[in-house]
Amino acid sequence: MAGTVGRPRKHSPRRKGRTAREEILDASSELFTTQGFATTSTHQIADAVGIRQASLYYHFPSKADIFLTLLMGTVQPSLDLASDLAQSDESPALKLWALVAAETRILLSSNWNIGRLYQLPVALSEEFHDYHDARGKLEDIFRGLAAEIVGDDDPRIELPFHMTLAAIEMRDNTGQAPYPLVDDALPAPSVMIADAVLDVLHAELPENRGMRTLDLVSSVSANT
């Protein structure tokens, strides 16, 4: 009988994820957020997944590539949504509300609190310039939408993006997503933070904003 195709594991699968790549990201998320980047080795990651260290490199060429993949996973979906919003006729208030809700939803739906990776000194390294560029673009979009509401010279335009990052401090890091992704609802903290952003800007809350945001996010996901 033919043998199983694939690279051998040292142990049975032990991580969350539908594929070995997802299991590697899950293990890396735990190790990076609990003990840092510098003190985490690829050997530790491979052992946490239950694969040989050489097999890890089949999926990711380096530890830095794993780190960058995790960082980009928190930013790229919001950039994709922002691209679609730019072509829509929705109001600046709804666009901003949707971006805040969507980004916080990502930060609250991961098994591990990957937003903590932003706070690690290594995240500032030039090695992760792709993340810096993507994050810079996202910050500019948040700032630009706020400026459409209150004007370019209002210092409050700096607040929405940073208020969004409050989601990082509003969740635990236990390996269980506090708000797993669902198609028909947004996490309560996402709604609260998005509402607070518009309140700070003295903007009226859009009607049916939650479901309109979910429809927008669903549309973007279907096209990517």
Protein backbone atom coordinates (compact mmCIF):
# COMPACT_ATOMS: atom_id res chain seq x y z
CA MET A 1 0.00 0.00 0.00
CA ALA A 2 1.32 3.45 -0.91
CA GLY A 3 2.66 5.51 1.95
CA THR A 4 1.36 8.90 3.02
CA VAL A 5 2.62 11.74 0.89
CA GLY A 6 4.18 14.65 2.75
CA ARG A 7 6.93 15.55 5.15
CA PRO A 8 7.16 13.46 8.33
CA ARG A 9 6.06 14.77 11.72
CA LYS A 10 7.88 14.06 14.92
CA HIS A 11 4.54 13.79 16.72
CA SER A 12 0.84 13.87 15.97
CA PRO A 13 -0.60 17.31 15.09
CA ARG A 14 -0.93 19.35 18.26
CA ARG A 15 -1.72 22.88 17.09
CA LYS A 16 -4.81 24.69 15.82
CA GLY A 17 -4.93 25.00 12.06
CA ARG A 18 -6.19 23.23 8.98
CA THR A 19 -2.72 22.95 7.43
CA ALA A 20 0.86 22.63 8.63
CA ARG A 21 1.42 26.26 7.64
CA GLU A 22 -1.45 27.41 9.86
CA GLU A 23 -0.15 25.26 12.72
CA ILE A 24 3.27 26.89 12.37
CA LEU A 25 1.69 30.34 12.52
CA ASP A 26 -0.32 29.35 15.60
CA ALA A 27 2.76 28.06 17.43
CA SER A 28 4.80 31.09 16.39
CA SER A 29 2.04 33.43 17.58
CA GLU A 30 2.17 31.85 21.01
CA LEU A 31 5.94 31.87 21.30
CA PHE A 32 6.46 35.37 19.89
CA THR A 33 3.76 36.91 22.10
CA THR A 34 4.79 35.12 25.30
CA GLN A 35 8.59 35.07 25.12
CA GLY A 36 9.48 37.50 22.33
CA PHE A 37 11.06 37.21 18.90
CA ALA A 38 14.75 37.10 19.74
CA THR A 39 14.43 34.30 22.30
CA THR A 40 12.24 32.12 20.07
CA SER A 41 14.07 29.69 17.81
CA THR A 42 12.84 27.84 14.76
CA HIS A 43 13.64 24.65 16.65
CA GLN A 44 11.16 25.65 19.37
CA ILE A 45 8.51 26.48 16.77
CA ALA A 46 8.99 23.18 14.97
CA ASP A 47 8.88 21.26 18.24
CA ALA A 48 5.67 23.05 19.29
CA VAL A 49 4.06 22.00 16.01
CA GLY A 50 5.43 18.49 16.06
CA ILE A 51 7.42 18.65 12.83
CA ARG A 52 11.09 18.44 12.02
CA GLN A 53 12.94 21.73 11.93
CA ALA A 54 13.84 21.14 8.28
CA SER A 55 10.14 20.77 7.47
CA LEU A 56 9.42 24.21 8.89
CA TYR A 57 11.69 25.74 6.24
CA TYR A 58 9.59 24.06 3.58
CA HIS A 59 6.77 26.42 4.57
CA PHE A 60 8.73 29.50 5.69
CA PRO A 61 12.31 30.35 4.66
CA SER A 62 13.10 32.03 8.00
CA LYS A 63 11.81 33.04 11.40
CA ALA A 64 11.61 36.61 10.13
CA ASP A 65 9.32 35.50 7.32
CA ILE A 66 6.94 33.93 9.86
CA PHE A 67 6.95 37.16 11.88
CA LEU A 68 6.25 39.26 8.79
CA THR A 69 3.41 36.95 7.75
CA LEU A 70 1.77 37.42 11.15
CA LEU A 71 2.19 41.20 11.02
CA MET A 72 0.79 41.49 7.51
CA GLY A 73 -2.15 39.29 8.43
CA THR A 74 -3.40 42.04 10.75
CA VAL A 75 -2.98 44.87 8.24
CA GLN A 76 -3.63 43.60 4.72
CA PRO A 77 -7.34 42.75 5.18
CA SER A 78 -8.03 46.33 6.29
CA LEU A 79 -6.08 47.69 3.32
CA ASP A 80 -8.17 45.50 1.02
CA LEU A 81 -11.34 46.81 2.64
CA ALA A 82 -10.10 50.40 2.38
CA SER A 83 -9.47 49.90 -1.34
CA ASP A 84 -13.06 48.82 -1.86
CA LEU A 85 -14.38 51.61 0.34
CA ALA A 86 -12.50 54.18 -1.73
CA GLN A 87 -14.60 53.17 -4.74
CA SER A 88 -17.91 53.24 -2.85
CA ASP A 89 -20.37 56.06 -2.31
CA GLU A 90 -20.56 55.48 1.43
CA SER A 91 -20.08 58.45 3.75
CA PRO A 92 -16.67 59.13 5.36
CA ALA A 93 -18.26 58.34 8.73
CA LEU A 94 -19.36 54.86 7.65
CA LYS A 95 -16.05 54.20 5.90
CA LEU A 96 -14.12 55.10 9.03
CA TRP A 97 -16.49 53.18 11.28
CA ALA A 98 -16.15 50.11 9.06
CA LEU A 99 -12.35 50.27 9.06
CA VAL A 100 -12.18 50.59 12.84
CA ALA A 101 -14.64 47.74 13.32
CA ALA A 102 -12.92 45.50 10.77
CA GLU A 103 -9.41 46.06 12.11
CA THR A 104 -10.41 45.51 15.74
CA ARG A 105 -12.33 42.41 14.65
CA ILE A 106 -9.08 40.98 13.27
CA LEU A 107 -7.19 41.78 16.46
CA LEU A 108 -9.89 40.17 18.61
CA SER A 109 -10.43 37.04 16.53
CA SER A 110 -6.95 35.50 16.55
CA ASN A 111 -6.14 32.66 18.92
CA TRP A 112 -3.19 34.57 20.30
CA ASN A 113 -2.97 38.31 20.87
CA ILE A 114 -0.85 38.97 17.78
CA GLY A 115 -1.33 42.72 18.15
CA ARG A 116 1.34 42.44 20.83
CA LEU A 117 3.83 41.89 18.03
CA TYR A 118 3.52 45.58 17.14
CA GLN A 119 5.01 46.39 20.53
CA LEU A 120 8.14 44.26 20.16
CA PRO A 121 11.30 46.28 19.38
CA VAL A 122 12.12 43.96 16.47
CA ALA A 123 8.97 45.12 14.67
CA LEU A 124 10.75 48.44 14.07
CA SER A 125 13.56 46.72 12.17
CA GLU A 126 14.11 47.64 8.53
CA GLU A 127 13.86 43.91 7.86
CA PHE A 128 10.11 44.33 8.10
CA HIS A 129 9.82 47.30 5.74
CA ASP A 130 6.86 45.68 3.95
CA TYR A 131 4.91 45.85 7.19
CA HIS A 132 6.04 49.42 7.85
CA ASP A 133 4.85 50.48 4.39
CA ALA A 134 1.51 48.70 4.77
CA ARG A 135 0.91 50.08 8.25
CA GLY A 136 1.85 53.57 7.09
CA LYS A 137 -0.68 53.36 4.25
CA LEU A 138 -3.36 52.17 6.65
CA GLU A 139 -2.64 54.97 9.12
CA ASP A 140 -2.87 57.49 6.27
CA ILE A 141 -6.27 56.11 5.27
CA PHE A 142 -7.58 56.38 8.84
CA ARG A 143 -6.19 59.90 9.06
CA GLY A 144 -7.64 60.90 5.70
CA LEU A 145 -11.14 59.68 6.51
CA ALA A 146 -11.08 61.50 9.83
CA ALA A 147 -9.93 64.64 8.03
CA GLU A 148 -12.95 64.41 5.73
CA ILE A 149 -15.10 64.65 8.85
CA VAL A 150 -13.28 67.29 10.93
CA GLY A 151 -10.77 68.90 8.55
CA ASP A 152 -7.04 68.45 7.91
CA ASP A 153 -5.96 70.83 10.66
CA ASP A 154 -7.87 69.14 13.48
CA PRO A 155 -5.49 67.20 15.75
CA ARG A 156 -8.19 64.57 16.33
CA ILE A 157 -7.40 63.02 12.95
CA GLU A 158 -4.55 61.17 14.67
CA LEU A 159 -6.86 59.44 17.14
CA PRO A 160 -8.89 56.85 15.18
CA PHE A 161 -6.01 54.55 14.28
CA HIS A 162 -4.56 54.60 17.78
CA MET A 163 -7.96 54.12 19.37
CA THR A 164 -8.34 51.05 17.18
CA LEU A 165 -5.20 49.56 18.72
CA ALA A 166 -6.92 49.64 22.12
CA ALA A 167 -8.34 46.25 21.13
CA ILE A 168 -4.91 44.78 21.86
CA GLU A 169 -5.27 45.74 25.53
CA MET A 170 -8.88 44.54 25.72
CA ARG A 171 -8.21 40.83 25.25
CA ASP A 172 -6.22 38.00 26.81
CA ASN A 173 -3.47 35.84 25.35
CA THR A 174 -4.55 32.32 26.26
CA GLY A 175 -4.72 30.68 22.85
CA GLN A 176 -8.50 30.98 22.64
CA ALA A 177 -9.95 33.67 20.38
CA PRO A 178 -12.16 35.86 22.59
CA TYR A 179 -14.36 36.64 19.58
CA PRO A 180 -14.11 33.99 16.84
CA LEU A 181 -15.05 35.25 13.39
CA VAL A 182 -18.73 34.90 12.50
CA ASP A 183 -20.53 36.16 9.41
CA ASP A 184 -23.51 37.79 11.08
CA ALA A 185 -22.12 39.81 14.00
CA LEU A 186 -19.25 42.02 15.05
CA PRO A 187 -17.49 41.71 18.43
CA ALA A 188 -19.02 43.99 21.05
CA PRO A 189 -15.65 45.74 21.67
CA SER A 190 -15.35 46.44 17.92
CA VAL A 191 -18.70 48.21 17.92
CA MET A 192 -17.81 50.09 21.10
CA ILE A 193 -14.46 51.31 19.78
CA ALA A 194 -15.85 52.26 16.37
CA ASP A 195 -18.69 54.19 18.03
CA ALA A 196 -16.18 55.92 20.31
CA VAL A 197 -14.08 57.00 17.33
CA LEU A 198 -17.01 58.77 15.70
CA ASP A 199 -18.04 60.23 19.05
CA VAL A 200 -14.58 61.79 19.47
CA LEU A 201 -14.97 63.33 16.01
CA HIS A 202 -18.52 64.47 16.85
CA ALA A 203 -19.80 62.54 13.84
CA GLU A 204 -23.27 61.06 13.67
CA LEU A 205 -23.41 57.27 13.88
CA PRO A 206 -24.50 55.74 10.54
CA GLU A 207 -27.68 53.69 10.53
CA ASN A 208 -27.39 49.91 10.39
CA ARG A 209 -23.61 50.35 10.50
CA GLY A 210 -22.86 46.87 11.80
CA MET A 211 -24.55 44.90 9.05
CA ARG A 212 -23.37 47.31 6.38
CA THR A 213 -19.81 46.76 7.56
CA LEU A 214 -20.22 42.97 7.55
CA ASP A 215 -21.57 43.15 4.00
CA LEU A 216 -18.55 45.19 2.92
CA VAL A 217 -16.10 42.82 4.61
CA SER A 218 -17.87 39.81 3.06
CA SER A 219 -17.67 41.38 -0.38
CA VAL A 220 -13.95 42.01 -0.06
CA SER A 221 -13.31 38.46 1.20
CA ALA A 222 -15.18 37.03 -1.77
CA ASN A 223 -12.95 38.97 -4.17
CA THR A 224 -9.59 38.06 -2.63
